[in-house]
C-alpha atoms as a PDB file:
ATOM      1  CA  MET A   1     -27.865  16.332 -18.740  1.00  0.00           C
ATOM      2  CA  ASN A   2     -27.377  19.881 -17.516  1.00  0.00           C
ATOM      3  CA  LYS A   3     -24.076  21.056 -15.983  1.00  0.00           C
ATOM      4  CA  GLN A   4     -25.446  21.255 -12.459  1.00  0.00           C
ATOM      5  CA  HIS A   5     -26.637  17.629 -12.543  1.00  0.00           C
ATOM      6  CA  LYS A   6     -23.318  16.514 -14.090  1.00  0.00           C
ATOM      7  CA  TRP A   7     -21.321  18.042 -11.222  1.00  0.00           C
ATOM      8  CA  LYS A   8     -23.660  16.609  -8.625  1.00  0.00           C
ATOM      9  CA  GLN A   9     -23.005  13.089  -9.939  1.00  0.00           C
ATOM     10  CA  ASN A  10     -19.346  13.538 -10.962  1.00  0.00           C
ATOM     11  CA  GLY A  11     -18.074  16.176  -8.560  1.00  0.00           C
ATOM     12  CA  VAL A  12     -16.655  16.105  -5.047  1.00  0.00           C
ATOM     13  CA  LYS A  13     -17.051  12.871  -3.090  1.00  0.00           C
ATOM     14  CA  VAL A  14     -17.023  12.553   0.690  1.00  0.00           C
ATOM     15  CA  ILE A  15     -16.056   9.129   1.968  1.00  0.00           C
ATOM     16  CA  SER A  16     -17.260   8.645   5.525  1.00  0.00           C
ATOM     17  CA  ALA A  17     -15.155   6.661   7.990  1.00  0.00           C
ATOM     18  CA  GLY A  18     -17.847   3.982   8.083  1.00  0.00           C
ATOM     19  CA  ASN A  19     -17.641   3.504   4.307  1.00  0.00           C
ATOM     20  CA  LEU A  20     -13.943   2.631   4.043  1.00  0.00           C
ATOM     21  CA  ASN A  21     -13.255  -0.603   2.197  1.00  0.00           C
ATOM     22  CA  ASP A  22     -10.950  -3.306   3.609  1.00  0.00           C
ATOM     23  CA  ASN A  23     -11.188  -5.341   0.389  1.00  0.00           C
ATOM     24  CA  THR A  24      -7.672  -4.279  -0.620  1.00  0.00           C
ATOM     25  CA  PRO A  25      -4.364  -6.171  -0.592  1.00  0.00           C
ATOM     26  CA  GLN A  26      -3.095  -6.616   2.940  1.00  0.00           C
ATOM     27  CA  THR A  27       0.275  -7.162   4.592  1.00  0.00           C
ATOM     28  CA  GLU A  28       0.692  -9.169   7.757  1.00  0.00           C
ATOM     29  CA  GLY A  29       0.644  -6.843  10.756  1.00  0.00           C
ATOM     30  CA  MET A  30      -1.592  -4.083   9.447  1.00  0.00           C
ATOM     31  CA  LYS A  31      -5.141  -3.540   8.331  1.00  0.00           C
ATOM     32  CA  ARG A  32      -5.515  -1.294   5.262  1.00  0.00           C
ATOM     33  CA  TYR A  33      -8.760   0.467   4.390  1.00  0.00           C
ATOM     34  CA  ALA A  34      -9.281   2.135   0.995  1.00  0.00           C
ATOM     35  CA  ALA A  35     -10.985   5.517   0.985  1.00  0.00           C
ATOM     36  CA  VAL A  36     -10.168   6.981  -2.432  1.00  0.00           C
ATOM     37  CA  ALA A  37      -9.896   4.285  -5.072  1.00  0.00           C
ATOM     38  CA  LYS A  38     -11.173   3.601  -8.558  1.00  0.00           C
ATOM     39  CA  GLN A  39     -13.802   1.126  -7.358  1.00  0.00           C
ATOM     40  CA  ASN A  40     -15.510   3.487  -4.915  1.00  0.00           C
ATOM     41  CA  VAL A  41     -15.022   7.045  -6.248  1.00  0.00           C
ATOM     42  CA  GLY A  42     -13.610   6.592  -9.748  1.00  0.00           C
ATOM     43  CA  ALA A  43     -10.116   7.911  -8.918  1.00  0.00           C
ATOM     44  CA  GLU A  44      -7.697   7.393 -11.807  1.00  0.00           C
ATOM     45  CA  LYS A  45      -4.285   8.607 -10.592  1.00  0.00           C
ATOM     46  CA  ILE A  46      -4.169   8.365  -6.801  1.00  0.00           C
ATOM     47  CA  TRP A  47      -5.130   5.968  -4.028  1.00  0.00           C
ATOM     48  CA  ALA A  48      -5.742   6.979  -0.415  1.00  0.00           C
ATOM     49  CA  GLY A  49      -6.768   5.116   2.666  1.00  0.00           C
ATOM     50  CA  LYS A  50      -5.902   4.463   6.280  1.00  0.00           C
ATOM     51  CA  VAL A  51      -4.064   1.835   8.214  1.00  0.00           C
ATOM     52  CA  ASP A  52      -4.267   0.737  11.838  1.00  0.00           C
ATOM     53  CA  ILE A  53      -1.526  -1.204  13.622  1.00  0.00           C
ATOM     54  CA  LYS A  54      -2.149  -2.651  17.081  1.00  0.00           C
ATOM     55  CA  PRO A  55       0.129  -1.667  19.996  1.00  0.00           C
ATOM     56  CA  ASN A  56       3.608  -3.238  19.907  1.00  0.00           C
ATOM     57  CA  ALA A  57       2.820  -5.007  16.603  1.00  0.00           C
ATOM     58  CA  LYS A  58       4.729  -4.967  13.332  1.00  0.00           C
ATOM     59  CA  THR A  59       3.979  -5.530   9.677  1.00  0.00           C
ATOM     60  CA  GLY A  60       5.664  -7.990   7.412  1.00  0.00           C
ATOM     61  CA  ALA A  61       8.303  -6.630   5.048  1.00  0.00           C
ATOM     62  CA  HIS A  62       6.854  -5.433   1.747  1.00  0.00           C
ATOM     63  CA  HIS A  63       7.083  -2.870  -1.067  1.00  0.00           C
ATOM     64  CA  HIS A  64       4.626  -1.272  -3.479  1.00  0.00           C
ATOM     65  CA  GLY A  65       6.341  -1.775  -6.829  1.00  0.00           C
ATOM     66  CA  GLU A  66       6.752   1.367  -8.894  1.00  0.00           C
ATOM     67  CA  LEU A  67       4.289   3.333  -6.773  1.00  0.00           C
ATOM     68  CA  GLU A  68       5.374   6.180  -4.523  1.00  0.00           C
ATOM     69  CA  SER A  69       3.741   6.161  -1.089  1.00  0.00           C
ATOM     70  CA  VAL A  70       3.149   8.802   1.542  1.00  0.00           C
ATOM     71  CA  ILE A  71       2.182   7.921   5.105  1.00  0.00           C
ATOM     72  CA  TYR A  72       0.800  10.602   7.430  1.00  0.00           C
ATOM     73  CA  VAL A  73       0.878   9.691  11.113  1.00  0.00           C
ATOM     74  CA  LEU A  74      -2.385  10.598  12.855  1.00  0.00           C
ATOM     75  CA  ALA A  75      -1.844   8.943  16.239  1.00  0.00           C
ATOM     76  CA  GLY A  76       0.810   6.836  17.907  1.00  0.00           C
ATOM     77  CA  LYS A  77       4.533   6.340  17.354  1.00  0.00           C
ATOM     78  CA  ALA A  78       5.728   4.691  14.147  1.00  0.00           C
ATOM     79  CA  LYS A  79       9.061   2.994  13.704  1.00  0.00           C
ATOM     80  CA  MET A  80       9.897   2.648  10.017  1.00  0.00           C
ATOM     81  CA  ARG A  81      12.513   0.132   8.904  1.00  0.00           C
ATOM     82  CA  TRP A  82      13.760  -0.140   5.334  1.00  0.00           C
ATOM     83  CA  GLY A  83      16.498  -1.570   3.147  1.00  0.00           C
ATOM     84  CA  GLU A  84      17.407  -4.987   1.758  1.00  0.00           C
ATOM     85  CA  LYS A  85      17.658  -6.341   5.320  1.00  0.00           C
ATOM     86  CA  LEU A  86      15.598  -3.570   6.965  1.00  0.00           C
ATOM     87  CA  GLU A  87      18.897  -2.209   8.245  1.00  0.00           C
ATOM     88  CA  PHE A  88      17.779   1.449   8.367  1.00  0.00           C
ATOM     89  CA  GLU A  89      15.205   2.867  10.791  1.00  0.00           C
ATOM     90  CA  LYS A  90      13.604   6.099  11.878  1.00  0.00           C
ATOM     91  CA  TYR A  91      10.706   7.094  14.146  1.00  0.00           C
ATOM     92  CA  ALA A  92       7.699   9.182  13.085  1.00  0.00           C
ATOM     93  CA  TYR A  93       5.157  10.907  15.320  1.00  0.00           C
ATOM     94  CA  PRO A  94       1.695  12.481  14.894  1.00  0.00           C
ATOM     95  CA  GLY A  95       1.890  15.184  12.255  1.00  0.00           C
ATOM     96  CA  ASP A  96       4.889  13.606  10.491  1.00  0.00           C
ATOM     97  CA  PHE A  97       4.855  12.569   6.839  1.00  0.00           C
ATOM     98  CA  ILE A  98       6.800   9.517   5.649  1.00  0.00           C
ATOM     99  CA  PHE A  99       7.794   9.160   1.988  1.00  0.00           C
ATOM    100  CA  VAL A 100       8.443   5.653   0.640  1.00  0.00           C
ATOM    101  CA  PRO A 101      10.017   5.589  -2.861  1.00  0.00           C
ATOM    102  CA  PRO A 102       9.227   2.866  -5.407  1.00  0.00           C
ATOM    103  CA  PHE A 103      10.498  -0.679  -4.764  1.00  0.00           C
ATOM    104  CA  VAL A 104      11.930   0.132  -1.296  1.00  0.00           C
ATOM    105  CA  PRO A 105      11.522  -2.858   1.064  1.00  0.00           C
ATOM    106  CA  HIS A 106      10.017  -1.518   4.287  1.00  0.00           C
ATOM    107  CA  GLN A 107       8.268  -2.439   7.515  1.00  0.00           C
ATOM    108  CA  GLU A 108       6.000  -0.411   9.764  1.00  0.00           C
ATOM    109  CA  ILE A 109       6.154  -0.994  13.510  1.00  0.00           C
ATOM    110  CA  ASN A 110       3.910   0.401  16.218  1.00  0.00           C
ATOM    111  CA  ALA A 111       6.553   1.519  18.722  1.00  0.00           C
ATOM    112  CA  SER A 112       3.959   2.043  21.466  1.00  0.00           C
ATOM    113  CA  LYS A 113       3.175  -0.783  23.872  1.00  0.00           C
ATOM    114  CA  ASN A 114      -0.341   0.487  24.641  1.00  0.00           C
ATOM    115  CA  LYS A 115      -1.606   2.873  21.911  1.00  0.00           C
ATOM    116  CA  ILE A 116      -2.821   2.105  18.401  1.00  0.00           C
ATOM    117  CA  LEU A 117      -0.799   3.483  15.474  1.00  0.00           C
ATOM    118  CA  ARG A 118      -3.181   5.145  13.043  1.00  0.00           C
ATOM    119  CA  CYS A 119      -1.998   6.536   9.714  1.00  0.00           C
ATOM    120  CA  VAL A 120      -3.370   7.876   6.439  1.00  0.00           C
ATOM    121  CA  LEU A 121      -1.851   6.421   3.247  1.00  0.00           C
ATOM    122  CA  PHE A 122      -1.507   7.947  -0.210  1.00  0.00           C
ATOM    123  CA  ARG A 123      -0.143   6.195  -3.311  1.00  0.00           C
ATOM    124  CA  SER A 124       0.699   7.499  -6.754  1.00  0.00           C
ATOM    125  CA  GLY A 125      -1.449   5.018  -8.648  1.00  0.00           C
ATOM    126  CA  GLN A 126      -4.590   2.916  -8.623  1.00  0.00           C
ATOM    127  CA  GLU A 127      -3.077  -0.535  -8.957  1.00  0.00           C
ATOM    128  CA  PRO A 128      -3.210  -2.178  -5.518  1.00  0.00           C
ATOM    129  CA  VAL A 129       0.444  -3.217  -5.632  1.00  0.00           C
ATOM    130  CA  VAL A 130       1.596  -4.921  -2.443  1.00  0.00           C
ATOM    131  CA  VAL A 131       4.596  -7.209  -2.766  1.00  0.00           C
ATOM    132  CA  ASN A 132       5.063  -9.069   0.510  1.00  0.00           C
ATOM    133  CA  LEU A 133       8.701 -10.063   1.065  1.00  0.00           C
ATOM    134  CA  ASP A 134      10.433 -12.838   2.977  1.00  0.00           C
ATOM    135  CA  ILE A 135      13.083 -10.900   4.910  1.00  0.00           C
ATOM    136  CA  PRO A 136      14.085 -12.797   8.090  1.00  0.00           C
ATOM    137  CA  GLU A 137      15.235  -9.552   9.726  1.00  0.00           C
ATOM    138  CA  ALA A 138      11.598  -8.401   9.753  1.00  0.00           C
ATOM    139  CA  ASP A 139      11.070 -10.664  12.772  1.00  0.00           C
ATOM    140  CA  ASN A 140      13.807  -9.011  14.832  1.00  0.00           C
ATOM    141  CA  HIS A 141      11.623  -6.277  16.341  1.00  0.00           C
ATOM    142  CA  ASN A 142       9.373  -8.386  18.539  1.00  0.00           C
ATOM    143  CA  ASP A 143       7.311 -11.548  18.280  1.00  0.00           C
ATOM    144  CA  LYS A 144       3.837 -10.009  18.315  1.00  0.00           C
ATOM    145  CA  LYS A 145       2.099 -10.191  14.937  1.00  0.00           C
ATOM    146  CA  TRP A 146      -1.232  -8.715  13.984  1.00  0.00           C
ATOM    147  CA  ILE A 147      -4.015 -11.279  13.684  1.00  0.00           C
ATOM    148  CA  ASP A 148      -7.177 -10.289  11.855  1.00  0.00           C
ATOM    149  CA  ASP A 149      -9.825 -11.906   9.693  1.00  0.00           C
ATOM    150  CA  ILE A 150      -7.411 -12.084   6.736  1.00  0.00           C
ATOM    151  CA  HIS A 151      -4.334 -13.469   8.498  1.00  0.00           C
ATOM    152  CA  SER A 152      -4.588 -16.757  10.349  1.00  0.00           C
ATOM    153  CA  LYS A 153      -3.065 -17.381  13.750  1.00  0.00           C
ATOM    154  CA  ASP A 154      -0.769 -19.945  12.124  1.00  0.00           C
ATOM    155  CA  LEU A 155       1.369 -17.272  10.414  1.00  0.00           C
END
């Protein structure tokens, strides 16, 4: 195999929006789509994807184990809650980056009543670690939960 052919097969990859993969661990209230992952591009050290949260909806409380996460807000208004009882909160807007350290319980909320919250996610590893948590305070934002083809209406 010559060098040029090697780079064509093992070089830069472009992942089109229509080729994102939703076969990744999910958390109630959001829909994650993998873009850069081992299974689709051979990534070894990072994971990247996007998430959409419907207007006025919230996610369940969760953390990502030992992974570090970065969330980049593309559109909408995010309300981030974190802590053992989600007692801390801060808003993020388009163009803002959010850093989530390892093991930090957190919840994403779409703070807009009529616009979708769209974000890009980056994680420091390939393992799809999503630890969903039972934190009663996660329900204190509002009663609207995201319903999709993974989460039943009985949640």
